[in-house]
PDB file of N, CA and C in Angstrom:
ATOM      1  N   MET A   1      -9.126  13.306  35.398  1.00  0.00           N
ATOM      2  CA  MET A   1      -8.912  11.958  34.941  1.00  0.00           C
ATOM      3  C   MET A   1      -7.688  11.949  34.029  1.00  0.00           C
ATOM      4  N   SER A   2      -6.792  11.010  34.245  1.00  0.00           N
ATOM      5  CA  SER A   2      -5.561  10.953  33.450  1.00  0.00           C
ATOM      6  C   SER A   2      -5.836  10.299  32.094  1.00  0.00           C
ATOM      7  N   ASP A   3      -4.869  10.456  31.197  1.00  0.00           N
ATOM      8  CA  ASP A   3      -4.990   9.849  29.873  1.00  0.00           C
ATOM      9  C   ASP A   3      -5.128   8.334  29.976  1.00  0.00           C
ATOM     10  N   ARG A   4      -4.371   7.738  30.881  1.00  0.00           N
ATOM     11  CA  ARG A   4      -4.425   6.282  31.048  1.00  0.00           C
ATOM     12  C   ARG A   4      -5.816   5.829  31.476  1.00  0.00           C
ATOM     13  N   GLU A   5      -6.417   6.568  32.383  1.00  0.00           N
ATOM     14  CA  GLU A   5      -7.758   6.202  32.842  1.00  0.00           C
ATOM     15  C   GLU A   5      -8.784   6.346  31.723  1.00  0.00           C
ATOM     16  N   ILE A   6      -8.620   7.358  30.887  1.00  0.00           N
ATOM     17  CA  ILE A   6      -9.521   7.549  29.751  1.00  0.00           C
ATOM     18  C   ILE A   6      -9.408   6.377  28.785  1.00  0.00           C
ATOM     19  N   VAL A   7      -8.178   5.922  28.527  1.00  0.00           N
ATOM     20  CA  VAL A   7      -7.970   4.790  27.631  1.00  0.00           C
ATOM     21  C   VAL A   7      -8.584   3.525  28.222  1.00  0.00           C
ATOM     22  N   ILE A   8      -8.399   3.316  29.504  1.00  0.00           N
ATOM     23  CA  ILE A   8      -8.961   2.130  30.152  1.00  0.00           C
ATOM     24  C   ILE A   8     -10.491   2.168  30.081  1.00  0.00           C
ATOM     25  N   VAL A   9     -11.088   3.317  30.336  1.00  0.00           N
ATOM     26  CA  VAL A   9     -12.540   3.453  30.229  1.00  0.00           C
ATOM     27  C   VAL A   9     -12.994   3.175  28.794  1.00  0.00           C
ATOM     28  N   GLY A  10     -12.235   3.652  27.826  1.00  0.00           N
ATOM     29  CA  GLY A  10     -12.557   3.389  26.419  1.00  0.00           C
ATOM     30  C   GLY A  10     -12.543   1.903  26.100  1.00  0.00           C
ATOM     31  N   PHE A  11     -11.532   1.192  26.601  1.00  0.00           N
ATOM     32  CA  PHE A  11     -11.468  -0.252  26.368  1.00  0.00           C
ATOM     33  C   PHE A  11     -12.608  -0.976  27.069  1.00  0.00           C
ATOM     34  N   VAL A  12     -12.964  -0.535  28.258  1.00  0.00           N
ATOM     35  CA  VAL A  12     -14.089  -1.149  28.974  1.00  0.00           C
ATOM     36  C   VAL A  12     -15.385  -0.926  28.191  1.00  0.00           C
ATOM     37  N   LEU A  13     -15.584   0.282  27.667  1.00  0.00           N
ATOM     38  CA  LEU A  13     -16.772   0.565  26.863  1.00  0.00           C
ATOM     39  C   LEU A  13     -16.792  -0.290  25.592  1.00  0.00           C
ATOM     40  N   LEU A  14     -15.638  -0.473  24.977  1.00  0.00           N
ATOM     41  CA  LEU A  14     -15.541  -1.334  23.798  1.00  0.00           C
ATOM     42  C   LEU A  14     -15.897  -2.772  24.148  1.00  0.00           C
ATOM     43  N   LEU A  15     -15.431  -3.245  25.286  1.00  0.00           N
ATOM     44  CA  LEU A  15     -15.759  -4.597  25.740  1.00  0.00           C
ATOM     45  C   LEU A  15     -17.254  -4.735  26.000  1.00  0.00           C
ATOM     46  N   VAL A  16     -17.842  -3.750  26.654  1.00  0.00           N
ATOM     47  CA  VAL A  16     -19.282  -3.789  26.937  1.00  0.00           C
ATOM     48  C   VAL A  16     -20.083  -3.777  25.633  1.00  0.00           C
ATOM     49  N   ALA A  17     -19.669  -2.960  24.672  1.00  0.00           N
ATOM     50  CA  ALA A  17     -20.355  -2.917  23.377  1.00  0.00           C
ATOM     51  C   ALA A  17     -20.243  -4.257  22.659  1.00  0.00           C
ATOM     52  N   THR A  18     -19.072  -4.872  22.721  1.00  0.00           N
ATOM     53  CA  THR A  18     -18.884  -6.173  22.090  1.00  0.00           C
ATOM     54  C   THR A  18     -19.752  -7.230  22.750  1.00  0.00           C
ATOM     55  N   LEU A  19     -19.779  -7.251  24.071  1.00  0.00           N
ATOM     56  CA  LEU A  19     -20.612  -8.224  24.771  1.00  0.00           C
ATOM     57  C   LEU A  19     -22.094  -7.978  24.498  1.00  0.00           C
ATOM     58  N   GLY A  20     -22.485  -6.725  24.391  1.00  0.00           N
ATOM     59  CA  GLY A  20     -23.866  -6.408  24.044  1.00  0.00           C
ATOM     60  C   GLY A  20     -24.228  -6.891  22.651  1.00  0.00           C
ATOM     61  N   THR A  21     -23.292  -6.740  21.716  1.00  0.00           N
ATOM     62  CA  THR A  21     -23.519  -7.227  20.357  1.00  0.00           C
ATOM     63  C   THR A  21     -23.637  -8.738  20.331  1.00  0.00           C
ATOM     64  N   VAL A  22     -22.777  -9.411  21.074  1.00  0.00           N
ATOM     65  CA  VAL A  22     -22.850 -10.876  21.148  1.00  0.00           C
ATOM     66  C   VAL A  22     -24.188 -11.308  21.728  1.00  0.00           C
ATOM     67  N   ALA A  23     -24.638 -10.631  22.769  1.00  0.00           N
ATOM     68  CA  ALA A  23     -25.938 -10.957  23.364  1.00  0.00           C
ATOM     69  C   ALA A  23     -27.062 -10.706  22.361  1.00  0.00           C
ATOM     70  N   ALA A  24     -26.967  -9.624  21.605  1.00  0.00           N
ATOM     71  CA  ALA A  24     -27.997  -9.315  20.612  1.00  0.00           C
ATOM     72  C   ALA A  24     -28.054 -10.364  19.511  1.00  0.00           C
ATOM     73  N   THR A  25     -26.916 -10.943  19.153  1.00  0.00           N
ATOM     74  CA  THR A  25     -26.920 -11.973  18.114  1.00  0.00           C
ATOM     75  C   THR A  25     -27.636 -13.234  18.588  1.00  0.00           C
ATOM     76  N   HIS A  26     -27.604 -13.494  19.874  1.00  0.00           N
ATOM     77  CA  HIS A  26     -28.298 -14.666  20.387  1.00  0.00           C
ATOM     78  C   HIS A  26     -29.800 -14.427  20.490  1.00  0.00           C
ATOM     79  N   VAL A  27     -30.178 -13.186  20.725  1.00  0.00           N
ATOM     80  CA  VAL A  27     -31.597 -12.860  20.868  1.00  0.00           C
ATOM     81  C   VAL A  27     -32.258 -12.691  19.500  1.00  0.00           C
ATOM     82  N   ARG A  28     -31.630 -11.910  18.611  1.00  0.00           N
ATOM     83  CA  ARG A  28     -32.203 -11.614  17.292  1.00  0.00           C
ATOM     84  C   ARG A  28     -31.206 -11.905  16.193  1.00  0.00           C
ATOM     85  N   ARG A  29     -30.993 -13.164  15.891  1.00  0.00           N
ATOM     86  CA  ARG A  29     -30.020 -13.555  14.882  1.00  0.00           C
ATOM     87  C   ARG A  29     -30.395 -13.041  13.487  1.00  0.00           C
ATOM     88  N   ASP A  30     -31.682 -12.820  13.239  1.00  0.00           N
ATOM     89  CA  ASP A  30     -32.096 -12.344  11.927  1.00  0.00           C
ATOM     90  C   ASP A  30     -31.759 -10.865  11.698  1.00  0.00           C
ATOM     91  N   LEU A  31     -31.553 -10.095  12.766  1.00  0.00           N
ATOM     92  CA  LEU A  31     -31.238  -8.673  12.631  1.00  0.00           C
ATOM     93  C   LEU A  31     -29.761  -8.354  12.772  1.00  0.00           C
ATOM     94  N   VAL A  32     -29.035  -9.102  13.591  1.00  0.00           N
ATOM     95  CA  VAL A  32     -27.639  -8.801  13.888  1.00  0.00           C
ATOM     96  C   VAL A  32     -26.786 -10.006  13.525  1.00  0.00           C
ATOM     97  N   ALA A  33     -25.771  -9.782  12.697  1.00  0.00           N
ATOM     98  CA  ALA A  33     -24.870 -10.867  12.321  1.00  0.00           C
ATOM     99  C   ALA A  33     -23.973 -11.215  13.502  1.00  0.00           C
ATOM    100  N   PRO A  34     -23.657 -12.504  13.686  1.00  0.00           N
ATOM    101  CA  PRO A  34     -22.741 -12.886  14.763  1.00  0.00           C
ATOM    102  C   PRO A  34     -21.373 -12.224  14.585  1.00  0.00           C
ATOM    103  N   VAL A  35     -20.691 -12.013  15.693  1.00  0.00           N
ATOM    104  CA  VAL A  35     -19.402 -11.324  15.679  1.00  0.00           C
ATOM    105  C   VAL A  35     -18.392 -12.066  14.798  1.00  0.00           C
ATOM    106  N   GLY A  36     -18.370 -13.378  14.889  1.00  0.00           N
ATOM    107  CA  GLY A  36     -17.442 -14.161  14.081  1.00  0.00           C
ATOM    108  C   GLY A  36     -17.654 -13.962  12.591  1.00  0.00           C
ATOM    109  N   GLU A  37     -18.908 -13.934  12.171  1.00  0.00           N
ATOM    110  CA  GLU A  37     -19.207 -13.699  10.756  1.00  0.00           C
ATOM    111  C   GLU A  37     -18.829 -12.284  10.334  1.00  0.00           C
ATOM    112  N   THR A  38     -19.051 -11.324  11.212  1.00  0.00           N
ATOM    113  CA  THR A  38     -18.704  -9.938  10.909  1.00  0.00           C
ATOM    114  C   THR A  38     -17.195  -9.776  10.757  1.00  0.00           C
ATOM    115  N   VAL A  39     -16.437 -10.354  11.679  1.00  0.00           N
ATOM    116  CA  VAL A  39     -14.974 -10.283  11.597  1.00  0.00           C
ATOM    117  C   VAL A  39     -14.477 -11.003  10.348  1.00  0.00           C
ATOM    118  N   ALA A  40     -15.045 -12.159  10.051  1.00  0.00           N
ATOM    119  CA  ALA A  40     -14.649 -12.898   8.850  1.00  0.00           C
ATOM    120  C   ALA A  40     -14.927 -12.067   7.592  1.00  0.00           C
ATOM    121  N   TYR A  41     -16.062 -11.383   7.561  1.00  0.00           N
ATOM    122  CA  TYR A  41     -16.404 -10.545   6.412  1.00  0.00           C
ATOM    123  C   TYR A  41     -15.433  -9.374   6.278  1.00  0.00           C
ATOM    124  N   LEU A  42     -15.101  -8.736   7.404  1.00  0.00           N
ATOM    125  CA  LEU A  42     -14.217  -7.570   7.360  1.00  0.00           C
ATOM    126  C   LEU A  42     -12.775  -7.936   7.040  1.00  0.00           C
ATOM    127  N   THR A  43     -12.360  -9.145   7.353  1.00  0.00           N
ATOM    128  CA  THR A  43     -10.966  -9.551   7.129  1.00  0.00           C
ATOM    129  C   THR A  43     -10.855 -10.592   6.020  1.00  0.00           C
ATOM    130  N   ARG A  44     -11.693 -10.481   5.005  1.00  0.00           N
ATOM    131  CA  ARG A  44     -11.675 -11.479   3.938  1.00  0.00           C
ATOM    132  C   ARG A  44     -10.509 -11.304   2.973  1.00  0.00           C
ATOM    133  N   THR A  45      -9.868 -10.136   2.958  1.00  0.00           N
ATOM    134  CA  THR A  45      -8.715  -9.936   2.082  1.00  0.00           C
ATOM    135  C   THR A  45      -7.433  -9.917   2.919  1.00  0.00           C
ATOM    136  N   ARG A  46      -6.342 -10.197   2.254  1.00  0.00           N
ATOM    137  CA  ARG A  46      -5.045 -10.213   2.940  1.00  0.00           C
ATOM    138  C   ARG A  46      -4.701  -8.834   3.505  1.00  0.00           C
ATOM    139  N   ALA A  47      -4.970  -7.789   2.741  1.00  0.00           N
ATOM    140  CA  ALA A  47      -4.665  -6.430   3.198  1.00  0.00           C
ATOM    141  C   ALA A  47      -5.469  -6.078   4.452  1.00  0.00           C
ATOM    142  N   ALA A  48      -6.719  -6.497   4.493  1.00  0.00           N
ATOM    143  CA  ALA A  48      -7.555  -6.214   5.664  1.00  0.00           C
ATOM    144  C   ALA A  48      -7.059  -6.974   6.887  1.00  0.00           C
ATOM    145  N   ARG A  49      -6.590  -8.218   6.694  1.00  0.00           N
ATOM    146  CA  ARG A  49      -6.050  -8.989   7.815  1.00  0.00           C
ATOM    147  C   ARG A  49      -4.776  -8.348   8.349  1.00  0.00           C
ATOM    148  N   ILE A  50      -3.915  -7.880   7.465  1.00  0.00           N
ATOM    149  CA  ILE A  50      -2.684  -7.215   7.892  1.00  0.00           C
ATOM    150  C   ILE A  50      -3.017  -5.926   8.637  1.00  0.00           C
ATOM    151  N   ALA A  51      -3.964  -5.150   8.104  1.00  0.00           N
ATOM    152  CA  ALA A  51      -4.374  -3.912   8.770  1.00  0.00           C
ATOM    153  C   ALA A  51      -4.960  -4.204  10.149  1.00  0.00           C
ATOM    154  N   ALA A  52      -5.761  -5.258  10.263  1.00  0.00           N
ATOM    155  CA  ALA A  52      -6.362  -5.611  11.549  1.00  0.00           C
ATOM    156  C   ALA A  52      -5.286  -5.970  12.573  1.00  0.00           C
ATOM    157  N   VAL A  53      -4.286  -6.725  12.158  1.00  0.00           N
ATOM    158  CA  VAL A  53      -3.195  -7.091  13.068  1.00  0.00           C
ATOM    159  C   VAL A  53      -2.402  -5.860  13.485  1.00  0.00           C
ATOM    160  N   LEU A  54      -2.131  -4.968  12.549  1.00  0.00           N
ATOM    161  CA  LEU A  54      -1.383  -3.752  12.878  1.00  0.00           C
ATOM    162  C   LEU A  54      -2.170  -2.854  13.830  1.00  0.00           C
ATOM    163  N   VAL A  55      -3.459  -2.682  13.584  1.00  0.00           N
ATOM    164  CA  VAL A  55      -4.280  -1.850  14.469  1.00  0.00           C
ATOM    165  C   VAL A  55      -4.367  -2.490  15.851  1.00  0.00           C
ATOM    166  N   TRP A  56      -4.588  -3.804  15.887  1.00  0.00           N
ATOM    167  CA  TRP A  56      -4.668  -4.519  17.172  1.00  0.00           C
ATOM    168  C   TRP A  56      -3.352  -4.378  17.935  1.00  0.00           C
ATOM    169  N   GLY A  57      -2.226  -4.522  17.244  1.00  0.00           N
ATOM    170  CA  GLY A  57      -0.914  -4.367  17.873  1.00  0.00           C
ATOM    171  C   GLY A  57      -0.683  -2.955  18.371  1.00  0.00           C
ATOM    172  N   TRP A  58      -1.113  -1.968  17.592  1.00  0.00           N
ATOM    173  CA  TRP A  58      -0.946  -0.578  17.999  1.00  0.00           C
ATOM    174  C   TRP A  58      -1.736  -0.305  19.271  1.00  0.00           C
ATOM    175  N   PHE A  59      -2.996  -0.744  19.301  1.00  0.00           N
ATOM    176  CA  PHE A  59      -3.801  -0.559  20.508  1.00  0.00           C
ATOM    177  C   PHE A  59      -3.187  -1.285  21.698  1.00  0.00           C
ATOM    178  N   GLY A  60      -2.758  -2.508  21.495  1.00  0.00           N
ATOM    179  CA  GLY A  60      -2.144  -3.276  22.571  1.00  0.00           C
ATOM    180  C   GLY A  60      -0.877  -2.626  23.105  1.00  0.00           C
ATOM    181  N   TRP A  61      -0.040  -2.144  22.207  1.00  0.00           N
ATOM    182  CA  TRP A  61       1.201  -1.495  22.605  1.00  0.00           C
ATOM    183  C   TRP A  61       0.895  -0.261  23.451  1.00  0.00           C
ATOM    184  N   HIS A  62      -0.031   0.546  23.008  1.00  0.00           N
ATOM    185  CA  HIS A  62      -0.338   1.778  23.734  1.00  0.00           C
ATOM    186  C   HIS A  62      -1.079   1.515  25.039  1.00  0.00           C
ATOM    187  N   PHE A  63      -1.811   0.427  25.096  1.00  0.00           N
ATOM    188  CA  PHE A  63      -2.538   0.116  26.320  1.00  0.00           C
ATOM    189  C   PHE A  63      -1.629  -0.566  27.347  1.00  0.00           C
ATOM    190  N   LEU A  64      -0.740  -1.446  26.888  1.00  0.00           N
ATOM    191  CA  LEU A  64       0.098  -2.222  27.817  1.00  0.00           C
ATOM    192  C   LEU A  64       1.452  -1.595  28.114  1.00  0.00           C
ATOM    193  N   ALA A  65       1.867  -0.600  27.341  1.00  0.00           N
ATOM    194  CA  ALA A  65       3.203  -0.051  27.494  1.00  0.00           C
ATOM    195  C   ALA A  65       3.352   0.848  28.723  1.00  0.00           C
ATOM    196  N   ARG A  66       2.260   1.292  29.280  1.00  0.00           N
ATOM    197  CA  ARG A  66       2.366   2.237  30.409  1.00  0.00           C
ATOM    198  C   ARG A  66       2.365   1.525  31.719  1.00  0.00           C
TER     199      ARG A  66
END
């Protein structure tokens, strides 16, 4: 398996985990915080928002550049 295929599989697994979390928030809202609330909590400071954009850009660049 090539490096590119490993990265694609990783992104697919991340997508599946995210969709599973979203589904879990609809089933058990008292146990799992919604994704929007979690992201809002993690990016409540300016530094965290900048870091999130940089990490997102880095992943995007490495995934789309090939």
